[in-house]
Amino acid sequence: MNRLGLRYTVTAFLIAAAVAAAGVLLGGPAHRAGVLAGSALGFVTQAAVFWIFFIRLYPGRDQAWTAYGLGLLVRLAVFAVTAFVLAPRAGLPFAATLLSLAGVFWLTTLSEAAYLKNRTSNPTQA
């Protein structure tokens, strides 16, 4: 296993947990299901995007923009599917679901920079 990927996954989990805790405390019981679903979906998406694009497919520093761009497209697609399909069909509170999903996406995307700045062109050194 790649240490960089594991560290990022732990960070993404902590961010998703913080977003979920804040959303549950601020939103109340009516929004709990949406907040938890959005936070969980955000964590799973971010971890998968990081592992697939940054660790497996484009591990070098020179390919970081390709991985970042593809990751943004995946996040946008997940957000759209959640907004137009998942939340309405599951009966989740729309605003709570999308705000927690966007919050996890935003905070974890910002944290990617800290993990990617020290990457080398040789993926075996990471």
C-alpha atoms as a PDB file:
ATOM      1  CA  MET A   1       0.000   0.000   0.000  1.00  0.00           C
ATOM      2  CA  ASN A   2       1.093   3.503  -0.695  1.00  0.00           C
ATOM      3  CA  ARG A   3       1.672   5.646   2.406  1.00  0.00           C
ATOM      4  CA  LEU A   4       0.642   8.826   0.599  1.00  0.00           C
ATOM      5  CA  GLY A   5      -2.713   7.301  -0.308  1.00  0.00           C
ATOM      6  CA  LEU A   6      -3.290   6.021   3.209  1.00  0.00           C
ATOM      7  CA  ARG A   7      -2.466   9.376   4.786  1.00  0.00           C
ATOM      8  CA  TYR A   8      -4.789  11.171   2.382  1.00  0.00           C
ATOM      9  CA  THR A   9      -7.573   8.654   3.033  1.00  0.00           C
ATOM     10  CA  VAL A  10      -7.294   9.213   6.780  1.00  0.00           C
ATOM     11  CA  THR A  11      -7.349  12.989   6.261  1.00  0.00           C
ATOM     12  CA  ALA A  12     -10.396  12.729   3.980  1.00  0.00           C
ATOM     13  CA  PHE A  13     -12.156  10.579   6.573  1.00  0.00           C
ATOM     14  CA  LEU A  14     -11.450  13.092   9.342  1.00  0.00           C
ATOM     15  CA  ILE A  15     -12.700  15.947   7.167  1.00  0.00           C
ATOM     16  CA  ALA A  16     -15.877  14.032   6.275  1.00  0.00           C
ATOM     17  CA  ALA A  17     -16.445  13.192   9.942  1.00  0.00           C
ATOM     18  CA  ALA A  18     -16.023  16.848  10.925  1.00  0.00           C
ATOM     19  CA  VAL A  19     -18.447  17.987   8.217  1.00  0.00           C
ATOM     20  CA  ALA A  20     -20.947  15.325   9.319  1.00  0.00           C
ATOM     21  CA  ALA A  21     -20.646  16.282  12.983  1.00  0.00           C
ATOM     22  CA  ALA A  22     -21.052  19.985  12.248  1.00  0.00           C
ATOM     23  CA  GLY A  23     -23.987  19.332   9.929  1.00  0.00           C
ATOM     24  CA  VAL A  24     -25.785  17.115  12.416  1.00  0.00           C
ATOM     25  CA  LEU A  25     -25.270  19.628  15.229  1.00  0.00           C
ATOM     26  CA  LEU A  26     -26.333  22.626  13.163  1.00  0.00           C
ATOM     27  CA  GLY A  27     -29.018  20.990  11.052  1.00  0.00           C
ATOM     28  CA  GLY A  28     -30.924  19.061  13.636  1.00  0.00           C
ATOM     29  CA  PRO A  29     -32.663  15.720  13.384  1.00  0.00           C
ATOM     30  CA  ALA A  30     -34.635  16.539  10.233  1.00  0.00           C
ATOM     31  CA  HIS A  31     -31.444  16.920   8.206  1.00  0.00           C
ATOM     32  CA  ARG A  32     -29.390  14.136   9.791  1.00  0.00           C
ATOM     33  CA  ALA A  33     -29.887  11.562   7.011  1.00  0.00           C
ATOM     34  CA  GLY A  34     -28.944  14.034   4.290  1.00  0.00           C
ATOM     35  CA  VAL A  35     -25.861  15.276   6.112  1.00  0.00           C
ATOM     36  CA  LEU A  36     -24.623  11.764   6.806  1.00  0.00           C
ATOM     37  CA  ALA A  37     -25.324  10.591   3.251  1.00  0.00           C
ATOM     38  CA  GLY A  38     -23.614  13.613   1.691  1.00  0.00           C
ATOM     39  CA  SER A  39     -20.579  13.330   3.947  1.00  0.00           C
ATOM     40  CA  ALA A  40     -20.219   9.600   3.365  1.00  0.00           C
ATOM     41  CA  LEU A  41     -20.613   9.938  -0.388  1.00  0.00           C
ATOM     42  CA  GLY A  42     -18.082  12.774  -0.419  1.00  0.00           C
ATOM     43  CA  PHE A  43     -15.543  10.693   1.505  1.00  0.00           C
ATOM     44  CA  VAL A  44     -15.946   7.619  -0.693  1.00  0.00           C
ATOM     45  CA  THR A  45     -15.700   9.698  -3.870  1.00  0.00           C
ATOM     46  CA  GLN A  46     -12.643  11.642  -2.726  1.00  0.00           C
ATOM     47  CA  ALA A  47     -10.781   8.578  -1.533  1.00  0.00           C
ATOM     48  CA  ALA A  48     -11.552   6.722  -4.758  1.00  0.00           C
ATOM     49  CA  VAL A  49     -10.551   9.685  -6.938  1.00  0.00           C
ATOM     50  CA  PHE A  50      -7.259  10.092  -5.100  1.00  0.00           C
ATOM     51  CA  TRP A  51      -6.366   6.416  -5.249  1.00  0.00           C
ATOM     52  CA  ILE A  52      -7.415   5.921  -8.870  1.00  0.00           C
ATOM     53  CA  PHE A  53      -6.030   9.083 -10.441  1.00  0.00           C
ATOM     54  CA  PHE A  54      -3.196  10.287  -8.207  1.00  0.00           C
ATOM     55  CA  ILE A  55      -1.819   6.967  -6.974  1.00  0.00           C
ATOM     56  CA  ARG A  56      -2.564   4.399  -9.689  1.00  0.00           C
ATOM     57  CA  LEU A  57      -3.028   6.060 -13.099  1.00  0.00           C
ATOM     58  CA  TYR A  58      -1.001   9.304 -12.857  1.00  0.00           C
ATOM     59  CA  PRO A  59       1.517   8.907 -10.032  1.00  0.00           C
ATOM     60  CA  GLY A  60       4.189  11.320 -11.276  1.00  0.00           C
ATOM     61  CA  ARG A  61       4.466  15.023 -10.600  1.00  0.00           C
ATOM     62  CA  ASP A  62       4.371  15.790 -14.323  1.00  0.00           C
ATOM     63  CA  GLN A  63       0.924  14.177 -14.604  1.00  0.00           C
ATOM     64  CA  ALA A  64      -0.689  15.889 -11.625  1.00  0.00           C
ATOM     65  CA  TRP A  65      -2.824  18.282 -13.677  1.00  0.00           C
ATOM     66  CA  THR A  66      -4.301  15.425 -15.684  1.00  0.00           C
ATOM     67  CA  ALA A  67      -5.218  13.587 -12.503  1.00  0.00           C
ATOM     68  CA  TYR A  68      -6.583  16.749 -10.922  1.00  0.00           C
ATOM     69  CA  GLY A  69      -8.733  17.574 -13.957  1.00  0.00           C
ATOM     70  CA  LEU A  70     -10.176  14.070 -14.187  1.00  0.00           C
ATOM     71  CA  GLY A  71     -10.865  14.126 -10.463  1.00  0.00           C
ATOM     72  CA  LEU A  72     -12.780  17.381 -10.808  1.00  0.00           C
ATOM     73  CA  LEU A  73     -14.902  15.869 -13.579  1.00  0.00           C
ATOM     74  CA  VAL A  74     -15.718  12.867 -11.399  1.00  0.00           C
ATOM     75  CA  ARG A  75     -16.661  15.110  -8.464  1.00  0.00           C
ATOM     76  CA  LEU A  76     -18.893  17.216 -10.706  1.00  0.00           C
ATOM     77  CA  ALA A  77     -20.599  14.091 -12.063  1.00  0.00           C
ATOM     78  CA  VAL A  78     -21.173  12.699  -8.556  1.00  0.00           C
ATOM     79  CA  PHE A  79     -22.612  16.023  -7.422  1.00  0.00           C
ATOM     80  CA  ALA A  80     -24.965  16.164 -10.428  1.00  0.00           C
ATOM     81  CA  VAL A  81     -26.144  12.576 -10.004  1.00  0.00           C
ATOM     82  CA  THR A  82     -26.714  13.200  -6.317  1.00  0.00           C
ATOM     83  CA  ALA A  83     -28.697  16.377  -7.029  1.00  0.00           C
ATOM     84  CA  PHE A  84     -30.846  15.026  -9.832  1.00  0.00           C
ATOM     85  CA  VAL A  85     -31.208  11.333  -9.001  1.00  0.00           C
ATOM     86  CA  LEU A  86     -29.984  10.143  -5.606  1.00  0.00           C
ATOM     87  CA  ALA A  87     -31.375  12.776  -3.238  1.00  0.00           C
ATOM     88  CA  PRO A  88     -34.865  12.961  -4.800  1.00  0.00           C
ATOM     89  CA  ARG A  89     -35.271   9.176  -5.112  1.00  0.00           C
ATOM     90  CA  ALA A  90     -33.986   8.458  -1.620  1.00  0.00           C
ATOM     91  CA  GLY A  91     -36.092  11.228  -0.117  1.00  0.00           C
ATOM     92  CA  LEU A  92     -33.059  12.912   1.411  1.00  0.00           C
ATOM     93  CA  PRO A  93     -33.208  16.563   2.447  1.00  0.00           C
ATOM     94  CA  PHE A  94     -31.889  18.296  -0.650  1.00  0.00           C
ATOM     95  CA  ALA A  95     -29.955  21.207   0.876  1.00  0.00           C
ATOM     96  CA  ALA A  96     -28.412  19.191   3.706  1.00  0.00           C
ATOM     97  CA  THR A  97     -27.260  16.448   1.346  1.00  0.00           C
ATOM     98  CA  LEU A  98     -25.742  18.747  -1.254  1.00  0.00           C
ATOM     99  CA  LEU A  99     -24.170  21.174   1.222  1.00  0.00           C
ATOM    100  CA  SER A 100     -22.435  18.403   3.147  1.00  0.00           C
ATOM    101  CA  LEU A 101     -21.301  16.771  -0.111  1.00  0.00           C
ATOM    102  CA  ALA A 102     -19.956  20.088  -1.402  1.00  0.00           C
ATOM    103  CA  GLY A 103     -18.288  20.805   1.941  1.00  0.00           C
ATOM    104  CA  VAL A 104     -16.439  17.490   1.947  1.00  0.00           C
ATOM    105  CA  PHE A 105     -15.453  17.931  -1.703  1.00  0.00           C
ATOM    106  CA  TRP A 106     -14.190  21.464  -1.120  1.00  0.00           C
ATOM    107  CA  LEU A 107     -12.198  20.770   2.027  1.00  0.00           C
ATOM    108  CA  THR A 108     -10.657  17.533   0.803  1.00  0.00           C
ATOM    109  CA  THR A 109      -9.773  19.072  -2.563  1.00  0.00           C
ATOM    110  CA  LEU A 110      -7.975  21.867  -0.735  1.00  0.00           C
ATOM    111  CA  SER A 111      -6.071  19.320   1.329  1.00  0.00           C
ATOM    112  CA  GLU A 112      -4.822  17.512  -1.798  1.00  0.00           C
ATOM    113  CA  ALA A 113      -2.222  20.218  -2.363  1.00  0.00           C
ATOM    114  CA  ALA A 114      -0.435  19.364   0.884  1.00  0.00           C
ATOM    115  CA  TYR A 115      -0.113  15.747  -0.189  1.00  0.00           C
ATOM    116  CA  LEU A 116       0.862  16.368  -3.782  1.00  0.00           C
ATOM    117  CA  LYS A 117       3.492  19.099  -3.388  1.00  0.00           C
ATOM    118  CA  ASN A 118       6.196  16.693  -2.241  1.00  0.00           C
ATOM    119  CA  ARG A 119       5.630  14.010  -4.877  1.00  0.00           C
ATOM    120  CA  THR A 120       8.555  13.037  -7.043  1.00  0.00           C
ATOM    121  CA  SER A 121       8.568  11.978 -10.677  1.00  0.00           C
ATOM    122  CA  ASN A 122       9.465   8.480  -9.475  1.00  0.00           C
ATOM    123  CA  PRO A 123       6.357   6.870  -7.921  1.00  0.00           C
ATOM    124  CA  THR A 124       8.431   4.261  -6.082  1.00  0.00           C
ATOM    125  CA  GLN A 125       9.935   6.972  -3.861  1.00  0.00           C
ATOM    126  CA  ALA A 126       6.572   8.126  -2.471  1.00  0.00           C
END
